[in-house]
C-alpha atoms as a PDB file:
ATOM      1  CA  MET A   1      13.478 -44.926  12.847  1.00  0.00           C
ATOM      2  CA  SER A   2      17.037 -44.383  14.298  1.00  0.00           C
ATOM      3  CA  ASN A   3      18.227 -44.543  10.660  1.00  0.00           C
ATOM      4  CA  LEU A   4      15.945 -42.182   9.618  1.00  0.00           C
ATOM      5  CA  LYS A   5      16.845 -39.807  12.204  1.00  0.00           C
ATOM      6  CA  ASN A   6      20.370 -40.435  11.211  1.00  0.00           C
ATOM      7  CA  ALA A   7      20.278 -39.516   7.963  1.00  0.00           C
ATOM      8  CA  PHE A   8      18.181 -36.477   8.912  1.00  0.00           C
ATOM      9  CA  TYR A   9      20.872 -35.173  11.435  1.00  0.00           C
ATOM     10  CA  ALA A  10      23.671 -35.855   8.743  1.00  0.00           C
ATOM     11  CA  SER A  11      21.949 -33.964   5.895  1.00  0.00           C
ATOM     12  CA  VAL A  12      21.225 -31.310   7.883  1.00  0.00           C
ATOM     13  CA  GLY A  13      24.880 -31.220   8.973  1.00  0.00           C
ATOM     14  CA  LEU A  14      25.935 -31.419   5.448  1.00  0.00           C
ATOM     15  CA  VAL A  15      24.068 -28.596   4.575  1.00  0.00           C
ATOM     16  CA  LEU A  16      25.863 -26.721   7.230  1.00  0.00           C
ATOM     17  CA  LYS A  17      29.100 -27.612   6.031  1.00  0.00           C
ATOM     18  CA  SER A  18      31.149 -24.891   3.832  1.00  0.00           C
ATOM     19  CA  LYS A  19      31.144 -25.656   0.157  1.00  0.00           C
ATOM     20  CA  ASP A  20      35.012 -26.513   0.334  1.00  0.00           C
ATOM     21  CA  LYS A  21      34.265 -29.028   2.816  1.00  0.00           C
ATOM     22  CA  ILE A  22      31.339 -30.704   0.682  1.00  0.00           C
ATOM     23  CA  GLU A  23      33.244 -30.333  -2.483  1.00  0.00           C
ATOM     24  CA  ALA A  24      36.462 -32.153  -0.634  1.00  0.00           C
ATOM     25  CA  ALA A  25      33.691 -35.098   0.855  1.00  0.00           C
ATOM     26  CA  ALA A  26      32.343 -35.330  -2.826  1.00  0.00           C
ATOM     27  CA  LYS A  27      35.937 -35.789  -4.203  1.00  0.00           C
ATOM     28  CA  LYS A  28      36.580 -38.679  -1.409  1.00  0.00           C
ATOM     29  CA  PHE A  29      33.354 -40.230  -2.876  1.00  0.00           C
ATOM     30  CA  VAL A  30      34.435 -40.114  -6.114  1.00  0.00           C
ATOM     31  CA  LYS A  31      37.712 -41.585  -5.491  1.00  0.00           C
ATOM     32  CA  ASP A  32      36.885 -43.918  -2.933  1.00  0.00           C
ATOM     33  CA  ASN A  33      34.346 -45.642  -5.426  1.00  0.00           C
ATOM     34  CA  LYS A  34      36.263 -44.931  -8.449  1.00  0.00           C
ATOM     35  CA  ILE A  35      34.067 -43.096 -10.372  1.00  0.00           C
ATOM     36  CA  GLU A  36      35.122 -41.672 -13.807  1.00  0.00           C
ATOM     37  CA  ALA A  37      36.590 -37.969 -14.063  1.00  0.00           C
ATOM     38  CA  ALA A  38      33.650 -36.721 -16.008  1.00  0.00           C
ATOM     39  CA  GLU A  39      30.994 -38.896 -13.967  1.00  0.00           C
ATOM     40  CA  GLY A  40      32.667 -37.290 -10.718  1.00  0.00           C
ATOM     41  CA  LYS A  41      32.831 -34.040 -11.868  1.00  0.00           C
ATOM     42  CA  LYS A  42      28.882 -34.055 -12.634  1.00  0.00           C
ATOM     43  CA  PHE A  43      28.110 -35.531  -9.212  1.00  0.00           C
ATOM     44  CA  ILE A  44      30.619 -33.160  -7.257  1.00  0.00           C
ATOM     45  CA  ASP A  45      28.912 -30.045  -9.042  1.00  0.00           C
ATOM     46  CA  LYS A  46      25.545 -31.519  -8.690  1.00  0.00           C
ATOM     47  CA  THR A  47      26.150 -32.222  -4.802  1.00  0.00           C
ATOM     48  CA  VAL A  48      27.305 -28.756  -4.590  1.00  0.00           C
ATOM     49  CA  LYS A  49      24.345 -27.052  -6.196  1.00  0.00           C
ATOM     50  CA  HIS A  50      22.135 -29.353  -4.231  1.00  0.00           C
ATOM     51  CA  VAL A  51      23.586 -28.433  -1.087  1.00  0.00           C
ATOM     52  CA  GLU A  52      24.025 -24.711  -1.401  1.00  0.00           C
ATOM     53  CA  SER A  53      20.001 -24.815  -2.718  1.00  0.00           C
ATOM     54  CA  ALA A  54      19.301 -26.836   0.507  1.00  0.00           C
ATOM     55  CA  LYS A  55      21.084 -24.571   2.619  1.00  0.00           C
ATOM     56  CA  LYS A  56      19.429 -21.479   1.398  1.00  0.00           C
ATOM     57  CA  ASP A  57      15.929 -23.237   1.987  1.00  0.00           C
ATOM     58  CA  LEU A  58      16.960 -24.262   5.484  1.00  0.00           C
ATOM     59  CA  THR A  59      18.139 -20.972   6.436  1.00  0.00           C
ATOM     60  CA  LYS A  60      14.926 -19.561   5.041  1.00  0.00           C
ATOM     61  CA  LYS A  61      12.556 -21.827   7.078  1.00  0.00           C
ATOM     62  CA  PHE A  62      14.961 -21.403  10.359  1.00  0.00           C
ATOM     63  CA  ASN A  63      14.367 -17.470   9.606  1.00  0.00           C
ATOM     64  CA  GLU A  64      10.498 -18.212   9.517  1.00  0.00           C
ATOM     65  CA  THR A  65      10.474 -20.474  12.407  1.00  0.00           C
ATOM     66  CA  VAL A  66      12.367 -17.479  14.440  1.00  0.00           C
ATOM     67  CA  LYS A  67      10.081 -15.034  13.486  1.00  0.00           C
ATOM     68  CA  THR A  68       6.986 -16.887  14.004  1.00  0.00           C
ATOM     69  CA  THR A  69       8.272 -18.061  17.627  1.00  0.00           C
ATOM     70  CA  VAL A  70       9.127 -14.243  18.568  1.00  0.00           C
ATOM     71  CA  ASP A  71       5.691 -12.946  17.383  1.00  0.00           C
ATOM     72  CA  LYS A  72       3.999 -15.770  19.287  1.00  0.00           C
ATOM     73  CA  MET A  73       5.782 -14.888  22.613  1.00  0.00           C
ATOM     74  CA  GLY A  74       5.485 -11.537  21.932  1.00  0.00           C
ATOM     75  CA  LEU A  75       8.942 -10.156  22.042  1.00  0.00           C
ATOM     76  CA  ILE A  76      10.485  -7.076  20.777  1.00  0.00           C
ATOM     77  CA  THR A  77      12.541  -6.983  17.645  1.00  0.00           C
ATOM     78  CA  ARG A  78      15.566  -4.766  17.676  1.00  0.00           C
ATOM     79  CA  LYS A  79      13.848  -2.793  14.921  1.00  0.00           C
ATOM     80  CA  GLU A  80      10.746  -2.060  17.237  1.00  0.00           C
ATOM     81  CA  VAL A  81      13.301  -1.117  20.279  1.00  0.00           C
ATOM     82  CA  LYS A  82      15.400   1.337  18.094  1.00  0.00           C
ATOM     83  CA  SER A  83      11.808   2.922  16.929  1.00  0.00           C
ATOM     84  CA  LEU A  84      10.773   3.101  20.365  1.00  0.00           C
ATOM     85  CA  LYS A  85      14.264   4.783  21.556  1.00  0.00           C
ATOM     86  CA  ASP A  86      14.374   6.954  18.395  1.00  0.00           C
ATOM     87  CA  GLU A  87      10.434   8.129  19.467  1.00  0.00           C
ATOM     88  CA  LEU A  88      11.331   8.569  22.980  1.00  0.00           C
ATOM     89  CA  THR A  89      14.131  10.756  22.204  1.00  0.00           C
ATOM     90  CA  HIS A  90      12.039  13.324  20.167  1.00  0.00           C
ATOM     91  CA  LEU A  91       9.642  13.419  22.884  1.00  0.00           C
ATOM     92  CA  LYS A  92      12.456  14.022  25.216  1.00  0.00           C
ATOM     93  CA  LYS A  93      13.764  17.398  22.984  1.00  0.00           C
ATOM     94  CA  GLN A  94      10.111  18.306  22.764  1.00  0.00           C
ATOM     95  CA  VAL A  95       9.532  18.130  26.361  1.00  0.00           C
ATOM     96  CA  SER A  96      12.659  20.203  27.047  1.00  0.00           C
ATOM     97  CA  LYS A  97      11.922  22.541  24.805  1.00  0.00           C
ATOM     98  CA  PRO A  98      10.657  26.188  26.306  1.00  0.00           C
ATOM     99  CA  ASN A  99       7.149  26.330  25.373  1.00  0.00           C
ATOM    100  CA  SER A 100       6.757  28.908  22.627  1.00  0.00           C
ATOM    101  CA  HIS A 101       2.831  29.684  23.491  1.00  0.00           C
ATOM    102  CA  SER A 102       3.229  30.508  26.860  1.00  0.00           C
ATOM    103  CA  SER A 103       4.177  33.893  27.936  1.00  0.00           C
ATOM    104  CA  SER A 104       5.467  35.595  31.085  1.00  0.00           C
ATOM    105  CA  LYS A 105       2.613  38.468  30.803  1.00  0.00           C
ATOM    106  CA  SER A 106      -0.530  37.624  33.163  1.00  0.00           C
ATOM    107  CA  PRO A 107      -3.441  36.967  31.607  1.00  0.00           C
ATOM    108  CA  LYS A 108      -6.014  39.877  30.836  1.00  0.00           C
ATOM    109  CA  ASN A 109      -9.083  39.899  32.581  1.00  0.00           C
END
């Protein structure tokens, strides 16, 4: 089980690395294993594409998990805070305006 965990953590780490670092690691793997140039290029290209795809998927899943967690916890988002601030500003302006319907004249009996 610990080997599986290590492989998982290694793959997550690889996904989070930059494209340049991934290419360098793949090139080192090709060199160390004495893979032919054409096969090495295919391996490097395939590795980079796979990691970029995995990174997009991981980012998407992470964002979905965060959103679900925020929703479950009942936390307010920045967008909601901004909306409330805008509404409060609008209401403050309305309250501070002189009431155009009231007059200084006393009501007629």
